[in-house]
């Protein structure tokens, strides 16, 4: 979701700060001299993110499923049965990025 903040600088100039906060993405900000420029930037960036063209900010695009399982093994106590299940899933999906994994319900 995008927000615009009006900023008045010490020298009296007015700036508009656009901020975009979407779940799963880092907060993005940019400053503009005109409010309309800030609105256009927010619309363009939100559209790009939702269309998958702005993926460099997605944490799920930076990490593979294998990395997630390895981290889980390090941080949690895992039973033998659960470890076997996770290792099977790691073989099947380990090379995929987390963003690329979704349920395919037919």
C-alpha atoms as a PDB file:
ATOM      1  CA  UNK A   1       0.000   0.000   0.000  1.00  0.00           C
ATOM      2  CA  UNK A   2       1.355   3.414  -0.893  1.00  0.00           C
ATOM      3  CA  UNK A   3       1.415   6.559   1.202  1.00  0.00           C
ATOM      4  CA  UNK A   4       2.476  10.119   0.504  1.00  0.00           C
ATOM      5  CA  UNK A   5       3.920  12.383   3.170  1.00  0.00           C
ATOM      6  CA  UNK A   6       4.299  16.105   2.754  1.00  0.00           C
ATOM      7  CA  UNK A   7       7.696  17.314   3.979  1.00  0.00           C
ATOM      8  CA  UNK A   8       8.584  20.953   4.541  1.00  0.00           C
ATOM      9  CA  UNK A   9      12.323  21.478   4.468  1.00  0.00           C
ATOM     10  CA  UNK A  10      14.219  24.021   6.580  1.00  0.00           C
ATOM     11  CA  UNK A  11      14.671  26.258   3.555  1.00  0.00           C
ATOM     12  CA  UNK A  12      10.881  26.325   3.026  1.00  0.00           C
ATOM     13  CA  UNK A  13      10.778  24.000   0.020  1.00  0.00           C
ATOM     14  CA  UNK A  14       8.093  21.336  -0.039  1.00  0.00           C
ATOM     15  CA  UNK A  15       8.851  17.713  -0.896  1.00  0.00           C
ATOM     16  CA  UNK A  16       6.573  14.719  -1.150  1.00  0.00           C
ATOM     17  CA  UNK A  17       7.834  11.381   0.083  1.00  0.00           C
ATOM     18  CA  UNK A  18       6.216   8.294  -1.427  1.00  0.00           C
ATOM     19  CA  UNK A  19       6.342   5.117   0.624  1.00  0.00           C
ATOM     20  CA  UNK A  20       5.275   1.628  -0.425  1.00  0.00           C
ATOM     21  CA  UNK A  21       4.733  -1.148   2.098  1.00  0.00           C
ATOM     22  CA  UNK A  22       3.674  -4.543   0.803  1.00  0.00           C
ATOM     23  CA  UNK A  23       3.846  -7.838   2.673  1.00  0.00           C
ATOM     24  CA  UNK A  24       6.878  -9.856   1.674  1.00  0.00           C
ATOM     25  CA  UNK A  25       8.759  -6.867   0.282  1.00  0.00           C
ATOM     26  CA  UNK A  26      11.046  -4.290   1.807  1.00  0.00           C
ATOM     27  CA  UNK A  27       9.641  -0.815   2.344  1.00  0.00           C
ATOM     28  CA  UNK A  28      10.438   1.433  -0.602  1.00  0.00           C
ATOM     29  CA  UNK A  29      10.646   5.221  -0.408  1.00  0.00           C
ATOM     30  CA  UNK A  30      11.369   8.014  -2.853  1.00  0.00           C
ATOM     31  CA  UNK A  31      11.148  11.802  -2.626  1.00  0.00           C
ATOM     32  CA  UNK A  32       9.612  14.071  -5.259  1.00  0.00           C
ATOM     33  CA  UNK A  33       9.062  17.760  -5.827  1.00  0.00           C
ATOM     34  CA  UNK A  34       5.448  17.257  -6.942  1.00  0.00           C
ATOM     35  CA  UNK A  35       2.680  15.206  -5.391  1.00  0.00           C
ATOM     36  CA  UNK A  36       1.554  13.911  -8.787  1.00  0.00           C
ATOM     37  CA  UNK A  37       5.030  12.478  -9.406  1.00  0.00           C
ATOM     38  CA  UNK A  38       4.850  10.652  -6.074  1.00  0.00           C
ATOM     39  CA  UNK A  39       1.406   9.228  -6.951  1.00  0.00           C
ATOM     40  CA  UNK A  40       2.613   8.014 -10.346  1.00  0.00           C
ATOM     41  CA  UNK A  41       5.709   6.412  -8.803  1.00  0.00           C
ATOM     42  CA  UNK A  42       3.606   4.553  -6.222  1.00  0.00           C
ATOM     43  CA  UNK A  43       1.197   3.282  -8.877  1.00  0.00           C
ATOM     44  CA  UNK A  44       4.017   2.164 -11.184  1.00  0.00           C
ATOM     45  CA  UNK A  45       6.068   0.399  -8.512  1.00  0.00           C
ATOM     46  CA  UNK A  46       3.046  -1.339  -6.939  1.00  0.00           C
ATOM     47  CA  UNK A  47       1.985  -2.509 -10.390  1.00  0.00           C
ATOM     48  CA  UNK A  48       5.487  -3.800 -11.146  1.00  0.00           C
ATOM     49  CA  UNK A  49       5.679  -5.655  -7.839  1.00  0.00           C
ATOM     50  CA  UNK A  50       2.307  -7.335  -8.317  1.00  0.00           C
ATOM     51  CA  UNK A  51       3.198  -8.277 -11.907  1.00  0.00           C
ATOM     52  CA  UNK A  52       6.502  -9.786 -10.795  1.00  0.00           C
ATOM     53  CA  UNK A  53       8.690  -7.254 -12.583  1.00  0.00           C
ATOM     54  CA  UNK A  54      10.107  -5.788  -9.363  1.00  0.00           C
ATOM     55  CA  UNK A  55      11.368  -8.973  -7.722  1.00  0.00           C
ATOM     56  CA  UNK A  56      14.727  -7.773  -6.482  1.00  0.00           C
ATOM     57  CA  UNK A  57      13.018  -6.616  -3.292  1.00  0.00           C
ATOM     58  CA  UNK A  58      11.382  -9.937  -2.538  1.00  0.00           C
ATOM     59  CA  UNK A  59      13.025 -11.999   0.191  1.00  0.00           C
ATOM     60  CA  UNK A  60      11.349 -15.093  -1.182  1.00  0.00           C
ATOM     61  CA  UNK A  61      13.167 -14.630  -4.488  1.00  0.00           C
ATOM     62  CA  UNK A  62      16.560 -14.607  -2.766  1.00  0.00           C
ATOM     63  CA  UNK A  63      16.308 -17.900  -0.916  1.00  0.00           C
ATOM     64  CA  UNK A  64      15.734 -21.468  -2.064  1.00  0.00           C
ATOM     65  CA  UNK A  65      13.593 -24.064  -0.373  1.00  0.00           C
ATOM     66  CA  UNK A  66      16.754 -26.003   0.474  1.00  0.00           C
ATOM     67  CA  UNK A  67      18.137 -23.005   2.381  1.00  0.00           C
ATOM     68  CA  UNK A  68      14.895 -22.717   4.324  1.00  0.00           C
ATOM     69  CA  UNK A  69      14.995 -26.385   5.326  1.00  0.00           C
ATOM     70  CA  UNK A  70      18.654 -26.157   6.342  1.00  0.00           C
ATOM     71  CA  UNK A  71      17.882 -23.141   8.513  1.00  0.00           C
ATOM     72  CA  UNK A  72      14.923 -24.951  10.038  1.00  0.00           C
ATOM     73  CA  UNK A  73      17.149 -27.929  10.947  1.00  0.00           C
ATOM     74  CA  UNK A  74      19.637 -25.576  12.638  1.00  0.00           C
ATOM     75  CA  UNK A  75      17.047 -23.631  14.634  1.00  0.00           C
ATOM     76  CA  UNK A  76      14.493 -26.313  15.582  1.00  0.00           C
ATOM     77  CA  UNK A  77      14.552 -29.725  17.165  1.00  0.00           C
ATOM     78  CA  UNK A  78      13.231 -32.079  14.516  1.00  0.00           C
ATOM     79  CA  UNK A  79      11.935 -35.610  15.043  1.00  0.00           C
ATOM     80  CA  UNK A  80      13.249 -38.443  12.878  1.00  0.00           C
ATOM     81  CA  UNK A  81       9.942 -38.726  11.015  1.00  0.00           C
ATOM     82  CA  UNK A  82       9.697 -34.985  10.336  1.00  0.00           C
ATOM     83  CA  UNK A  83      13.357 -34.899   9.243  1.00  0.00           C
ATOM     84  CA  UNK A  84      12.648 -37.661   6.700  1.00  0.00           C
ATOM     85  CA  UNK A  85       9.638 -35.813   5.310  1.00  0.00           C
ATOM     86  CA  UNK A  86      11.568 -32.568   5.008  1.00  0.00           C
ATOM     87  CA  UNK A  87      14.502 -34.280   3.340  1.00  0.00           C
ATOM     88  CA  UNK A  88      12.130 -35.810   0.770  1.00  0.00           C
ATOM     89  CA  UNK A  89      10.641 -32.362   0.048  1.00  0.00           C
ATOM     90  CA  UNK A  90      14.137 -30.934  -0.153  1.00  0.00           C
ATOM     91  CA  UNK A  91      15.002 -33.440  -2.908  1.00  0.00           C
ATOM     92  CA  UNK A  92      11.791 -32.611  -4.782  1.00  0.00           C
ATOM     93  CA  UNK A  93      11.734 -28.817  -4.416  1.00  0.00           C
ATOM     94  CA  UNK A  94      15.128 -27.832  -2.983  1.00  0.00           C
ATOM     95  CA  UNK A  95      16.383 -25.970  -6.051  1.00  0.00           C
ATOM     96  CA  UNK A  96      13.272 -23.758  -6.347  1.00  0.00           C
ATOM     97  CA  UNK A  97      13.056 -20.274  -4.912  1.00  0.00           C
ATOM     98  CA  UNK A  98      10.480 -19.901  -2.154  1.00  0.00           C
ATOM     99  CA  UNK A  99       8.501 -17.491  -4.329  1.00  0.00           C
ATOM    100  CA  UNK A 100       8.084 -20.158  -7.006  1.00  0.00           C
ATOM    101  CA  UNK A 101       6.494 -22.701  -4.663  1.00  0.00           C
ATOM    102  CA  UNK A 102       2.709 -22.642  -4.423  1.00  0.00           C
ATOM    103  CA  UNK A 103      -0.075 -25.180  -4.105  1.00  0.00           C
ATOM    104  CA  UNK A 104      -1.337 -26.322  -7.477  1.00  0.00           C
ATOM    105  CA  UNK A 105      -4.912 -27.262  -6.704  1.00  0.00           C
ATOM    106  CA  UNK A 106      -6.718 -28.713  -9.701  1.00  0.00           C
END
